[in-house]
N, C-alpha and C. Protein backbone atom coordinates (compact mmCIF):
# COMPACT_ATOMS: atom_id res chain seq x y z
N MET A 1 120.24 103.18 88.51
CA MET A 1 118.83 102.85 88.65
C MET A 1 118.48 102.76 90.13
N ILE A 2 117.25 103.13 90.42
CA ILE A 2 116.75 103.11 91.78
C ILE A 2 115.68 102.01 91.89
N PRO A 3 115.65 101.26 93.00
CA PRO A 3 114.64 100.19 93.11
C PRO A 3 113.22 100.75 93.22
N VAL A 4 112.28 99.97 92.72
CA VAL A 4 110.86 100.34 92.79
C VAL A 4 110.17 99.34 93.71
N TYR A 5 109.49 99.87 94.72
CA TYR A 5 108.73 99.06 95.68
C TYR A 5 107.24 99.34 95.43
N ILE A 6 106.48 98.31 95.14
CA ILE A 6 105.04 98.44 94.94
C ILE A 6 104.37 98.01 96.24
N THR A 7 103.68 98.94 96.90
CA THR A 7 103.08 98.67 98.20
C THR A 7 101.95 97.65 98.10
N GLU A 8 101.60 97.09 99.25
CA GLU A 8 100.47 96.16 99.30
C GLU A 8 99.19 96.82 98.82
N SER A 9 99.00 98.10 99.18
CA SER A 9 97.80 98.82 98.71
C SER A 9 97.76 98.89 97.19
N ALA A 10 98.90 99.20 96.58
CA ALA A 10 98.96 99.30 95.12
C ALA A 10 98.74 97.93 94.47
N LEU A 11 99.33 96.88 95.06
CA LEU A 11 99.11 95.53 94.52
C LEU A 11 97.64 95.14 94.61
N GLY A 12 97.00 95.50 95.72
CA GLY A 12 95.56 95.25 95.86
C GLY A 12 94.76 96.00 94.82
N ASP A 13 95.17 97.25 94.57
CA ASP A 13 94.50 98.05 93.54
C ASP A 13 94.60 97.38 92.17
N ILE A 14 95.78 96.86 91.86
CA ILE A 14 95.99 96.20 90.56
C ILE A 14 95.12 94.95 90.47
N GLY A 15 95.03 94.21 91.57
CA GLY A 15 94.17 93.02 91.59
C GLY A 15 92.71 93.37 91.37
N ARG A 16 92.26 94.45 92.02
CA ARG A 16 90.85 94.87 91.84
C ARG A 16 90.62 95.36 90.40
N LEU A 17 91.59 96.05 89.83
CA LEU A 17 91.49 96.49 88.43
C LEU A 17 91.33 95.27 87.53
N TRP A 18 92.18 94.26 87.75
CA TRP A 18 92.09 93.06 86.93
C TRP A 18 90.71 92.40 87.08
N ASP A 19 90.22 92.29 88.32
CA ASP A 19 88.91 91.69 88.56
C ASP A 19 87.82 92.41 87.78
N GLU A 20 87.85 93.74 87.82
CA GLU A 20 86.83 94.53 87.11
C GLU A 20 86.89 94.29 85.61
N LEU A 21 88.10 94.33 85.07
CA LEU A 21 88.26 94.19 83.61
C LEU A 21 88.03 92.75 83.15
N ALA A 22 88.37 91.78 83.98
CA ALA A 22 88.24 90.38 83.58
C ALA A 22 86.78 89.99 83.36
N GLY A 23 85.87 90.70 84.01
CA GLY A 23 84.46 90.44 83.77
C GLY A 23 84.05 90.73 82.34
N LEU A 24 84.83 91.57 81.69
CA LEU A 24 84.56 91.91 80.29
C LEU A 24 85.44 91.12 79.33
N ASN A 25 86.74 91.01 79.70
CA ASN A 25 87.68 90.35 78.80
C ASN A 25 88.93 89.99 79.59
N VAL A 26 89.15 88.71 79.83
CA VAL A 26 90.28 88.24 80.66
C VAL A 26 91.61 88.60 80.01
N ASP A 27 91.72 88.40 78.70
CA ASP A 27 92.98 88.70 78.02
C ASP A 27 93.33 90.19 78.13
N ALA A 28 92.34 91.03 77.90
CA ALA A 28 92.58 92.48 77.99
C ALA A 28 92.93 92.87 79.43
N ALA A 29 92.26 92.26 80.40
CA ALA A 29 92.55 92.55 81.81
C ALA A 29 93.99 92.20 82.14
N SER A 30 94.44 91.05 81.68
CA SER A 30 95.82 90.63 81.95
C SER A 30 96.82 91.53 81.25
N ARG A 31 96.53 91.92 80.02
CA ARG A 31 97.44 92.79 79.27
C ARG A 31 97.55 94.16 79.94
N ILE A 32 96.41 94.73 80.31
CA ILE A 32 96.41 96.06 80.93
C ILE A 32 97.09 96.02 82.29
N ALA A 33 96.81 95.01 83.09
CA ALA A 33 97.46 94.89 84.40
C ALA A 33 98.97 94.77 84.24
N ALA A 34 99.41 93.97 83.27
CA ALA A 34 100.85 93.81 83.03
C ALA A 34 101.48 95.13 82.57
N GLU A 35 100.78 95.87 81.72
CA GLU A 35 101.31 97.16 81.25
C GLU A 35 101.38 98.18 82.38
N VAL A 36 100.42 98.15 83.29
CA VAL A 36 100.44 99.06 84.44
C VAL A 36 101.63 98.72 85.34
N VAL A 37 101.85 97.43 85.60
CA VAL A 37 102.99 97.02 86.43
C VAL A 37 104.30 97.41 85.75
N GLU A 38 104.42 97.16 84.47
CA GLU A 38 105.65 97.52 83.75
C GLU A 38 105.88 99.02 83.77
N ALA A 39 104.81 99.80 83.63
CA ALA A 39 104.95 101.27 83.70
C ALA A 39 105.45 101.69 85.07
N ALA A 40 104.91 101.06 86.12
CA ALA A 40 105.36 101.38 87.48
C ALA A 40 106.84 101.02 87.64
N LEU A 41 107.22 99.84 87.16
CA LEU A 41 108.62 99.42 87.28
C LEU A 41 109.56 100.28 86.45
N SER A 42 109.05 100.90 85.40
CA SER A 42 109.90 101.76 84.57
C SER A 42 110.37 103.00 85.33
N LEU A 43 109.76 103.26 86.48
CA LEU A 43 110.16 104.41 87.28
C LEU A 43 111.57 104.26 87.83
N ARG A 44 112.15 103.06 87.71
CA ARG A 44 113.52 102.86 88.20
C ARG A 44 114.51 103.75 87.44
N GLU A 45 114.12 104.19 86.26
CA GLU A 45 114.94 105.12 85.50
C GLU A 45 114.20 106.45 85.39
N PHE A 46 114.83 107.50 85.79
CA PHE A 46 114.27 108.86 85.76
C PHE A 46 112.93 108.95 86.48
N PRO A 47 112.87 108.58 87.75
CA PRO A 47 111.59 108.57 88.47
C PRO A 47 110.97 109.95 88.66
N GLU A 48 111.75 111.00 88.52
CA GLU A 48 111.20 112.34 88.73
C GLU A 48 110.69 112.97 87.44
N ARG A 49 110.52 112.16 86.40
CA ARG A 49 110.06 112.68 85.11
C ARG A 49 108.59 113.12 85.13
N HIS A 50 107.83 112.65 86.11
CA HIS A 50 106.42 113.04 86.24
C HIS A 50 106.30 114.13 87.30
N PRO A 51 105.38 115.06 87.10
CA PRO A 51 105.28 116.19 88.04
C PRO A 51 104.72 115.79 89.40
N VAL A 52 105.07 116.59 90.39
CA VAL A 52 104.48 116.43 91.72
C VAL A 52 103.01 116.79 91.62
N GLU A 53 102.18 115.98 92.24
CA GLU A 53 100.72 116.19 92.22
C GLU A 53 100.36 117.21 93.29
N ASP A 54 100.06 118.41 92.89
CA ASP A 54 99.83 119.49 93.86
C ASP A 54 98.52 119.36 94.62
N ARG A 55 97.62 118.50 94.17
CA ARG A 55 96.35 118.30 94.89
C ARG A 55 96.47 117.29 96.02
N VAL A 56 97.64 116.69 96.17
CA VAL A 56 97.85 115.69 97.21
C VAL A 56 98.63 116.33 98.35
N PRO A 57 98.14 116.23 99.59
CA PRO A 57 98.86 116.81 100.73
C PRO A 57 100.27 116.22 100.86
N GLY A 58 101.19 117.03 101.32
CA GLY A 58 102.55 116.57 101.55
C GLY A 58 103.53 117.02 100.49
N GLY A 59 103.05 117.29 99.29
CA GLY A 59 103.88 117.85 98.24
C GLY A 59 104.94 116.96 97.65
N ARG A 60 104.95 115.67 97.95
CA ARG A 60 105.98 114.79 97.40
C ARG A 60 105.42 113.76 96.42
N CYS A 61 104.13 113.58 96.42
CA CYS A 61 103.51 112.52 95.62
C CYS A 61 103.48 112.93 94.14
N ARG A 62 103.82 111.98 93.30
CA ARG A 62 103.78 112.18 91.85
C ARG A 62 102.73 111.25 91.26
N ARG A 63 102.27 111.59 90.06
CA ARG A 63 101.24 110.77 89.42
C ARG A 63 101.46 110.77 87.92
N PHE A 64 101.18 109.60 87.32
CA PHE A 64 101.09 109.53 85.85
C PHE A 64 100.01 108.52 85.50
N THR A 65 99.58 108.53 84.26
CA THR A 65 98.43 107.74 83.85
C THR A 65 98.80 106.78 82.72
N VAL A 66 98.30 105.56 82.84
CA VAL A 66 98.45 104.52 81.83
C VAL A 66 97.09 103.86 81.68
N HIS A 67 96.55 103.82 80.47
CA HIS A 67 95.24 103.19 80.23
C HIS A 67 94.16 103.72 81.18
N SER A 68 94.09 105.00 81.37
CA SER A 68 93.10 105.63 82.27
C SER A 68 93.24 105.16 83.72
N VAL A 69 94.42 104.75 84.08
CA VAL A 69 94.74 104.33 85.44
C VAL A 69 95.85 105.24 85.95
N SER A 70 95.63 105.86 87.10
CA SER A 70 96.63 106.74 87.70
C SER A 70 97.52 105.94 88.64
N ILE A 71 98.82 106.16 88.49
CA ILE A 71 99.81 105.54 89.36
C ILE A 71 100.38 106.65 90.23
N PHE A 72 100.18 106.54 91.55
CA PHE A 72 100.68 107.52 92.51
C PHE A 72 101.93 106.96 93.17
N TYR A 73 102.97 107.79 93.27
CA TYR A 73 104.23 107.30 93.85
C TYR A 73 105.02 108.45 94.46
N VAL A 74 105.97 108.07 95.32
CA VAL A 74 106.92 109.04 95.88
C VAL A 74 108.33 108.53 95.59
N VAL A 75 109.24 109.48 95.49
CA VAL A 75 110.65 109.18 95.28
C VAL A 75 111.40 109.56 96.54
N THR A 76 112.14 108.62 97.09
CA THR A 76 113.01 108.90 98.23
C THR A 76 114.45 108.73 97.78
N ASP A 77 115.38 108.94 98.68
CA ASP A 77 116.78 108.73 98.34
C ASP A 77 117.08 107.27 98.03
N ALA A 78 116.31 106.37 98.65
CA ALA A 78 116.60 104.94 98.54
C ALA A 78 115.77 104.19 97.52
N GLN A 79 114.55 104.69 97.21
CA GLN A 79 113.66 103.91 96.35
C GLN A 79 112.53 104.77 95.80
N VAL A 80 111.81 104.17 94.85
CA VAL A 80 110.53 104.70 94.39
C VAL A 80 109.48 103.83 95.07
N GLU A 81 108.50 104.46 95.69
CA GLU A 81 107.44 103.72 96.37
C GLU A 81 106.12 104.00 95.67
N VAL A 82 105.57 102.98 95.01
CA VAL A 82 104.28 103.09 94.34
C VAL A 82 103.20 102.92 95.41
N LEU A 83 102.42 103.99 95.62
CA LEU A 83 101.46 104.02 96.71
C LEU A 83 100.10 103.45 96.35
N ARG A 84 99.57 103.87 95.21
CA ARG A 84 98.22 103.45 94.79
C ARG A 84 98.17 103.39 93.28
N VAL A 85 97.26 102.58 92.76
CA VAL A 85 97.00 102.44 91.33
C VAL A 85 95.48 102.45 91.20
N VAL A 86 94.92 103.55 90.72
CA VAL A 86 93.47 103.72 90.72
C VAL A 86 92.99 104.34 89.41
N SER A 87 91.69 104.27 89.20
CA SER A 87 91.09 104.91 88.04
C SER A 87 91.47 106.38 88.02
N ALA A 88 91.78 106.88 86.85
CA ALA A 88 92.15 108.30 86.74
C ALA A 88 91.00 109.21 87.16
N ALA A 89 89.79 108.68 87.19
CA ALA A 89 88.63 109.47 87.60
C ALA A 89 88.34 109.37 89.09
N ALA A 90 89.17 108.66 89.83
CA ALA A 90 88.92 108.44 91.26
C ALA A 90 88.94 109.76 92.04
N ASP A 91 88.18 109.79 93.10
CA ASP A 91 88.15 110.94 94.01
C ASP A 91 89.39 110.86 94.90
N MET A 92 90.35 111.74 94.65
CA MET A 92 91.61 111.68 95.39
C MET A 92 91.44 112.01 96.86
N SER A 93 90.36 112.68 97.22
CA SER A 93 90.18 113.05 98.62
C SER A 93 89.93 111.81 99.50
N THR A 94 89.58 110.69 98.89
CA THR A 94 89.32 109.47 99.66
C THR A 94 90.49 108.50 99.64
N LEU A 95 91.55 108.82 98.90
CA LEU A 95 92.68 107.90 98.79
C LEU A 95 93.67 108.08 99.93
N ASP A 96 94.19 106.97 100.42
CA ASP A 96 95.27 107.02 101.39
C ASP A 96 96.57 107.00 100.61
N LEU A 97 97.25 108.14 100.55
CA LEU A 97 98.47 108.25 99.78
C LEU A 97 99.69 108.47 100.68
N ARG A 98 99.61 107.91 101.89
CA ARG A 98 100.75 108.02 102.80
C ARG A 98 101.78 106.95 102.46
N PRO A 99 103.05 107.34 102.37
CA PRO A 99 104.10 106.33 102.17
C PRO A 99 104.16 105.39 103.35
N SER A 100 104.59 104.16 103.09
CA SER A 100 104.67 103.18 104.18
C SER A 100 105.91 103.39 105.02
């Protein structure tokens, strides 16, 4: 297994997601946020199972979707780095997807 590091940007994204959803339903917001985190942490096994996102510069970023939320990450020799967690409909041209 490879360690998964969730960046500050991604943690902030998850917090904003929870804030948005909690206005409608706190329980659902907590459940969805927890499922998104668990999905990100599941990358510790077979992290390359999701395709490289060809629309992202650099050619290393991967993406998968959970509950209409896209999780962007890169795989290095040492770890999986979760870069951002955003709405699947987000404009990727405005996202900072640089590894830390």
